[in-house]
PDB file of N, CA and C in Angstrom:
ATOM      1  N   MET A   1      -4.563  31.172  35.739  1.00  0.00           N
ATOM      2  CA  MET A   1      -3.870  31.691  37.181  1.00  0.00           C
ATOM      3  C   MET A   1      -3.450  30.166  37.922  1.00  0.00           C
ATOM      4  N   ALA A   2      -2.117  30.030  38.260  1.00  0.00           N
ATOM      5  CA  ALA A   2      -1.590  28.362  38.668  1.00  0.00           C
ATOM      6  C   ALA A   2      -1.855  28.954  40.512  1.00  0.00           C
ATOM      7  N   THR A   3      -1.925  27.915  40.640  1.00  0.00           N
ATOM      8  CA  THR A   3      -2.799  28.084  42.427  1.00  0.00           C
ATOM      9  C   THR A   3      -2.625  26.623  42.772  1.00  0.00           C
ATOM     10  N   ASN A   4      -1.679  25.901  43.641  1.00  0.00           N
ATOM     11  CA  ASN A   4      -1.851  24.987  44.309  1.00  0.00           C
ATOM     12  C   ASN A   4      -3.041  24.548  45.127  1.00  0.00           C
ATOM     13  N   LEU A   5      -3.568  23.604  45.625  1.00  0.00           N
ATOM     14  CA  LEU A   5      -4.744  22.770  46.412  1.00  0.00           C
ATOM     15  C   LEU A   5      -5.012  21.828  46.713  1.00  0.00           C
ATOM     16  N   GLU A   6      -4.597  21.407  48.016  1.00  0.00           N
ATOM     17  CA  GLU A   6      -4.554  20.387  48.093  1.00  0.00           C
ATOM     18  C   GLU A   6      -6.757  19.840  48.355  1.00  0.00           C
ATOM     19  N   ILE A   7      -7.079  19.174  47.709  1.00  0.00           N
ATOM     20  CA  ILE A   7      -8.389  18.662  47.846  1.00  0.00           C
ATOM     21  C   ILE A   7      -8.500  17.342  47.963  1.00  0.00           C
ATOM     22  N   ASP A   8      -9.459  16.616  48.677  1.00  0.00           N
ATOM     23  CA  ASP A   8      -9.264  15.691  48.997  1.00  0.00           C
ATOM     24  C   ASP A   8     -10.119  14.680  48.177  1.00  0.00           C
ATOM     25  N   GLU A   9      -8.561  13.795  46.722  1.00  0.00           N
ATOM     26  CA  GLU A   9      -9.009  13.411  46.306  1.00  0.00           C
ATOM     27  C   GLU A   9     -10.459  12.991  45.656  1.00  0.00           C
ATOM     28  N   ASN A  10     -11.336  11.841  46.876  1.00  0.00           N
ATOM     29  CA  ASN A  10     -12.348  11.397  46.066  1.00  0.00           C
ATOM     30  C   ASN A  10     -13.583  11.997  46.200  1.00  0.00           C
ATOM     31  N   LEU A  11     -13.337  12.880  46.720  1.00  0.00           N
ATOM     32  CA  LEU A  11     -14.311  14.600  46.692  1.00  0.00           C
ATOM     33  C   LEU A  11     -14.762  14.980  44.992  1.00  0.00           C
ATOM     34  N   ILE A  12     -13.268  15.027  44.294  1.00  0.00           N
ATOM     35  CA  ILE A  12     -13.034  15.004  43.592  1.00  0.00           C
ATOM     36  C   ILE A  12     -13.087  14.436  42.174  1.00  0.00           C
ATOM     37  N   LYS A  13     -12.920  12.714  42.456  1.00  0.00           N
ATOM     38  CA  LYS A  13     -12.901  11.849  41.719  1.00  0.00           C
ATOM     39  C   LYS A  13     -14.734  11.965  41.765  1.00  0.00           C
ATOM     40  N   GLU A  14     -15.879  12.372  42.837  1.00  0.00           N
ATOM     41  CA  GLU A  14     -17.148  11.775  42.539  1.00  0.00           C
ATOM     42  C   GLU A  14     -17.739  13.257  41.709  1.00  0.00           C
ATOM     43  N   ALA A  15     -16.609  15.198  41.337  1.00  0.00           N
ATOM     44  CA  ALA A  15     -16.980  15.862  41.232  1.00  0.00           C
ATOM     45  C   ALA A  15     -16.648  14.840  39.732  1.00  0.00           C
ATOM     46  N   LEU A  16     -15.726  14.757  39.114  1.00  0.00           N
ATOM     47  CA  LEU A  16     -15.957  14.219  37.623  1.00  0.00           C
ATOM     48  C   LEU A  16     -16.427  13.627  37.656  1.00  0.00           C
ATOM     49  N   LYS A  17     -16.681  12.462  38.547  1.00  0.00           N
ATOM     50  CA  LYS A  17     -17.786  11.436  37.839  1.00  0.00           C
ATOM     51  C   LYS A  17     -19.519  12.021  37.287  1.00  0.00           C
ATOM     52  N   LEU A  18     -19.864  13.168  38.322  1.00  0.00           N
ATOM     53  CA  LEU A  18     -21.410  13.629  38.457  1.00  0.00           C
ATOM     54  C   LEU A  18     -21.781  14.601  37.672  1.00  0.00           C
ATOM     55  N   GLY A  19     -20.137  15.354  37.629  1.00  0.00           N
ATOM     56  CA  GLY A  19     -20.504  16.669  36.989  1.00  0.00           C
ATOM     57  C   GLY A  19     -20.049  16.136  35.020  1.00  0.00           C
ATOM     58  N   GLY A  20     -19.287  15.118  34.797  1.00  0.00           N
ATOM     59  CA  GLY A  20     -18.936  14.806  33.275  1.00  0.00           C
ATOM     60  C   GLY A  20     -17.461  15.962  33.277  1.00  0.00           C
ATOM     61  N   HIS A  21     -17.386  16.026  33.633  1.00  0.00           N
ATOM     62  CA  HIS A  21     -15.732  17.052  34.182  1.00  0.00           C
ATOM     63  C   HIS A  21     -15.187  16.179  33.137  1.00  0.00           C
ATOM     64  N   PRO A  22     -14.032  16.814  32.404  1.00  0.00           N
ATOM     65  CA  PRO A  22     -12.983  16.276  31.606  1.00  0.00           C
ATOM     66  C   PRO A  22     -11.545  16.150  32.583  1.00  0.00           C
ATOM     67  N   THR A  23     -11.573  17.290  33.265  1.00  0.00           N
ATOM     68  CA  THR A  23     -10.204  17.873  34.147  1.00  0.00           C
ATOM     69  C   THR A  23     -10.689  17.983  35.396  1.00  0.00           C
ATOM     70  N   LYS A  24      -9.453  17.858  36.539  1.00  0.00           N
ATOM     71  CA  LYS A  24     -10.154  18.189  37.835  1.00  0.00           C
ATOM     72  C   LYS A  24     -10.226  20.399  37.923  1.00  0.00           C
ATOM     73  N   ASP A  25      -9.743  20.723  36.834  1.00  0.00           N
ATOM     74  CA  ASP A  25      -9.392  21.797  36.831  1.00  0.00           C
ATOM     75  C   ASP A  25     -11.220  22.620  36.284  1.00  0.00           C
ATOM     76  N   ALA A  26     -11.391  21.751  35.368  1.00  0.00           N
ATOM     77  CA  ALA A  26     -12.869  22.084  35.402  1.00  0.00           C
ATOM     78  C   ALA A  26     -13.767  21.554  36.529  1.00  0.00           C
ATOM     79  N   VAL A  27     -13.765  21.059  37.047  1.00  0.00           N
ATOM     80  CA  VAL A  27     -14.003  20.848  38.176  1.00  0.00           C
ATOM     81  C   VAL A  27     -14.389  22.344  39.256  1.00  0.00           C
ATOM     82  N   VAL A  28     -13.159  22.107  39.547  1.00  0.00           N
ATOM     83  CA  VAL A  28     -12.577  23.003  40.616  1.00  0.00           C
ATOM     84  C   VAL A  28     -13.609  24.201  39.845  1.00  0.00           C
ATOM     85  N   GLU A  29     -13.281  25.029  38.974  1.00  0.00           N
ATOM     86  CA  GLU A  29     -13.597  25.907  38.221  1.00  0.00           C
ATOM     87  C   GLU A  29     -15.523  25.913  37.746  1.00  0.00           C
ATOM     88  N   GLU A  30     -15.915  25.046  37.800  1.00  0.00           N
ATOM     89  CA  GLU A  30     -17.403  24.834  37.763  1.00  0.00           C
ATOM     90  C   GLU A  30     -17.919  24.920  39.399  1.00  0.00           C
ATOM     91  N   ALA A  31     -17.350  24.027  40.318  1.00  0.00           N
ATOM     92  CA  ALA A  31     -17.343  24.354  41.915  1.00  0.00           C
ATOM     93  C   ALA A  31     -17.476  25.737  42.207  1.00  0.00           C
ATOM     94  N   LEU A  32     -16.591  26.865  41.456  1.00  0.00           N
ATOM     95  CA  LEU A  32     -16.503  28.204  42.101  1.00  0.00           C
ATOM     96  C   LEU A  32     -17.312  28.935  41.191  1.00  0.00           C
ATOM     97  N   ARG A  33     -17.768  28.217  40.412  1.00  0.00           N
ATOM     98  CA  ARG A  33     -18.941  29.303  39.305  1.00  0.00           C
ATOM     99  C   ARG A  33     -20.177  28.859  40.434  1.00  0.00           C
ATOM    100  N   GLU A  34     -20.440  27.485  40.795  1.00  0.00           N
ATOM    101  CA  GLU A  34     -21.710  27.587  41.448  1.00  0.00           C
ATOM    102  C   GLU A  34     -21.624  28.144  42.749  1.00  0.00           C
ATOM    103  N   TYR A  35     -20.247  28.369  43.262  1.00  0.00           N
ATOM    104  CA  TYR A  35     -20.573  28.946  44.899  1.00  0.00           C
ATOM    105  C   TYR A  35     -20.466  30.429  44.408  1.00  0.00           C
ATOM    106  N   VAL A  36     -20.505  30.833  44.078  1.00  0.00           N
ATOM    107  CA  VAL A  36     -20.498  32.998  43.668  1.00  0.00           C
ATOM    108  C   VAL A  36     -21.321  32.823  43.142  1.00  0.00           C
ATOM    109  N   GLN A  37     -22.431  32.268  41.929  1.00  0.00           N
ATOM    110  CA  GLN A  37     -23.541  31.794  41.541  1.00  0.00           C
ATOM    111  C   GLN A  37     -24.835  32.247  43.482  1.00  0.00           C
ATOM    112  N   LEU A  38     -24.474  31.062  44.307  1.00  0.00           N
ATOM    113  CA  LEU A  38     -25.640  30.686  45.153  1.00  0.00           C
ATOM    114  C   LEU A  38     -25.351  31.947  46.012  1.00  0.00           C
ATOM    115  N   ARG A  39     -24.247  32.179  46.196  1.00  0.00           N
ATOM    116  CA  ARG A  39     -23.206  33.058  47.318  1.00  0.00           C
ATOM    117  C   ARG A  39     -24.678  34.588  46.449  1.00  0.00           C
ATOM    118  N   LYS A  40     -25.039  34.517  45.742  1.00  0.00           N
ATOM    119  CA  LYS A  40     -25.326  36.106  45.035  1.00  0.00           C
ATOM    120  C   LYS A  40     -26.988  35.690  45.197  1.00  0.00           C
ATOM    121  N   GLN A  41     -27.740  34.494  44.499  1.00  0.00           N
ATOM    122  CA  GLN A  41     -28.650  34.200  44.744  1.00  0.00           C
ATOM    123  C   GLN A  41     -28.817  34.483  46.719  1.00  0.00           C
ATOM    124  N   LEU A  42     -28.231  34.252  47.174  1.00  0.00           N
ATOM    125  CA  LEU A  42     -28.700  34.457  48.919  1.00  0.00           C
ATOM    126  C   LEU A  42     -28.409  35.887  49.940  1.00  0.00           C
ATOM    127  N   LYS A  43     -27.709  36.692  48.708  1.00  0.00           N
ATOM    128  CA  LYS A  43     -27.645  38.039  48.926  1.00  0.00           C
ATOM    129  C   LYS A  43     -29.161  39.104  48.629  1.00  0.00           C
ATOM    130  N   ILE A  44     -29.617  38.026  47.371  1.00  0.00           N
ATOM    131  CA  ILE A  44     -30.829  38.491  47.090  1.00  0.00           C
ATOM    132  C   ILE A  44     -31.706  38.327  47.495  1.00  0.00           C
ATOM    133  N   LEU A  45     -32.012  36.982  48.170  1.00  0.00           N
ATOM    134  CA  LEU A  45     -32.900  36.331  49.221  1.00  0.00           C
ATOM    135  C   LEU A  45     -33.073  37.223  50.722  1.00  0.00           C
ATOM    136  N   GLU A  46     -31.540  38.017  51.172  1.00  0.00           N
ATOM    137  CA  GLU A  46     -32.024  38.926  51.892  1.00  0.00           C
ATOM    138  C   GLU A  46     -32.454  39.884  51.819  1.00  0.00           C
ATOM    139  N   LEU A  47     -32.944  40.561  50.440  1.00  0.00           N
ATOM    140  CA  LEU A  47     -33.944  41.594  50.503  1.00  0.00           C
ATOM    141  C   LEU A  47     -35.368  41.280  50.916  1.00  0.00           C
ATOM    142  N   PHE A  48     -35.640  40.020  50.298  1.00  0.00           N
ATOM    143  CA  PHE A  48     -37.094  39.944  50.505  1.00  0.00           C
ATOM    144  C   PHE A  48     -37.345  40.411  51.732  1.00  0.00           C
ATOM    145  N   GLY A  49     -38.594  41.366  51.746  1.00  0.00           N
ATOM    146  CA  GLY A  49     -39.079  42.103  52.353  1.00  0.00           C
ATOM    147  C   GLY A  49     -38.694  43.136  52.969  1.00  0.00           C
ATOM    148  N   MET A  50     -37.970  43.551  52.517  1.00  0.00           N
ATOM    149  CA  MET A  50     -37.006  44.468  52.752  1.00  0.00           C
ATOM    150  C   MET A  50     -37.542  46.535  51.731  1.00  0.00           C
ATOM    151  N   ILE A  51     -38.078  46.150  51.294  1.00  0.00           N
ATOM    152  CA  ILE A  51     -38.266  46.456  49.264  1.00  0.00           C
ATOM    153  C   ILE A  51     -40.006  46.786  49.766  1.00  0.00           C
ATOM    154  N   GLU A  52     -40.222  48.027  49.647  1.00  0.00           N
ATOM    155  CA  GLU A  52     -41.227  48.513  50.038  1.00  0.00           C
ATOM    156  C   GLU A  52     -41.936  49.169  48.810  1.00  0.00           C
ATOM    157  N   TYR A  53     -43.409  48.429  48.454  1.00  0.00           N
ATOM    158  CA  TYR A  53     -43.626  48.543  46.606  1.00  0.00           C
ATOM    159  C   TYR A  53     -44.944  49.681  47.255  1.00  0.00           C
ATOM    160  N   ASP A  54     -46.041  50.137  46.253  1.00  0.00           N
ATOM    161  CA  ASP A  54     -47.191  50.914  46.035  1.00  0.00           C
ATOM    162  C   ASP A  54     -47.544  49.675  45.197  1.00  0.00           C
ATOM    163  N   ASP A  55     -48.786  50.012  46.226  1.00  0.00           N
ATOM    164  CA  ASP A  55     -49.839  48.742  46.189  1.00  0.00           C
ATOM    165  C   ASP A  55     -50.838  49.428  45.227  1.00  0.00           C
ATOM    166  N   ASP A  56     -50.344  51.270  44.981  1.00  0.00           N
ATOM    167  CA  ASP A  56     -51.565  51.714  44.250  1.00  0.00           C
ATOM    168  C   ASP A  56     -51.024  51.996  42.619  1.00  0.00           C
ATOM    169  N   TYR A  57     -49.583  51.131  42.250  1.00  0.00           N
ATOM    170  CA  TYR A  57     -49.072  51.105  41.278  1.00  0.00           C
ATOM    171  C   TYR A  57     -49.783  50.266  40.269  1.00  0.00           C
ATOM    172  N   ASP A  58     -50.149  50.700  39.276  1.00  0.00           N
ATOM    173  CA  ASP A  58     -50.149  50.034  38.036  1.00  0.00           C
ATOM    174  C   ASP A  58     -49.503  49.639  36.425  1.00  0.00           C
ATOM    175  N   TYR A  59     -48.853  48.707  36.577  1.00  0.00           N
ATOM    176  CA  TYR A  59     -47.700  48.194  35.261  1.00  0.00           C
ATOM    177  C   TYR A  59     -48.542  48.470  34.262  1.00  0.00           C
ATOM    178  N   LYS A  60     -49.464  48.249  34.003  1.00  0.00           N
ATOM    179  CA  LYS A  60     -50.136  46.992  32.853  1.00  0.00           C
ATOM    180  C   LYS A  60     -50.570  48.579  32.015  1.00  0.00           C
ATOM    181  N   GLN A  61     -50.577  50.067  33.402  1.00  0.00           N
ATOM    182  CA  GLN A  61     -51.064  51.122  32.780  1.00  0.00           C
ATOM    183  C   GLN A  61     -50.238  51.686  31.354  1.00  0.00           C
ATOM    184  N   HIS A  62     -48.555  50.973  31.487  1.00  0.00           N
ATOM    185  CA  HIS A  62     -47.396  51.829  30.639  1.00  0.00           C
ATOM    186  C   HIS A  62     -47.768  50.966  29.438  1.00  0.00           C
ATOM    187  N   TYR A  63     -48.144  49.733  28.887  1.00  0.00           N
ATOM    188  CA  TYR A  63     -49.058  49.149  28.254  1.00  0.00           C
ATOM    189  C   TYR A  63     -49.720  49.519  27.708  1.00  0.00           C
ATOM    190  N   ARG A  64     -50.606  49.710  27.640  1.00  0.00           N
ATOM    191  CA  ARG A  64     -52.036  50.492  27.861  1.00  0.00           C
ATOM    192  C   ARG A  64     -51.507  52.065  27.109  1.00  0.00           C
ATOM    193  N   SER A  65     -51.071  52.701  27.635  1.00  0.00           N
ATOM    194  CA  SER A  65     -50.263  54.470  27.304  1.00  0.00           C
ATOM    195  C   SER A  65     -49.751  54.039  25.450  1.00  0.00           C
ATOM    196  N   GLY A  66     -48.406  53.126  25.573  1.00  0.00           N
ATOM    197  CA  GLY A  66     -47.179  53.057  24.881  1.00  0.00           C
ATOM    198  C   GLY A  66     -48.273  53.008  23.180  1.00  0.00           C
TER     199      GLY A  66
END
């Protein structure tokens, strides 16, 4: 999908150098992948403390009976 973006040229140059990407498109695509991954991780972190666990559950029991 063709998209026109106005991005700070110095930022793109730095990202190209740091990431070793061959093109500006590759830099933007990688940045978007990392952004999406980070946001998904943050959503998972929000779940900590919200899930109740059964203290008496023995997960090893399933391995012993099989």
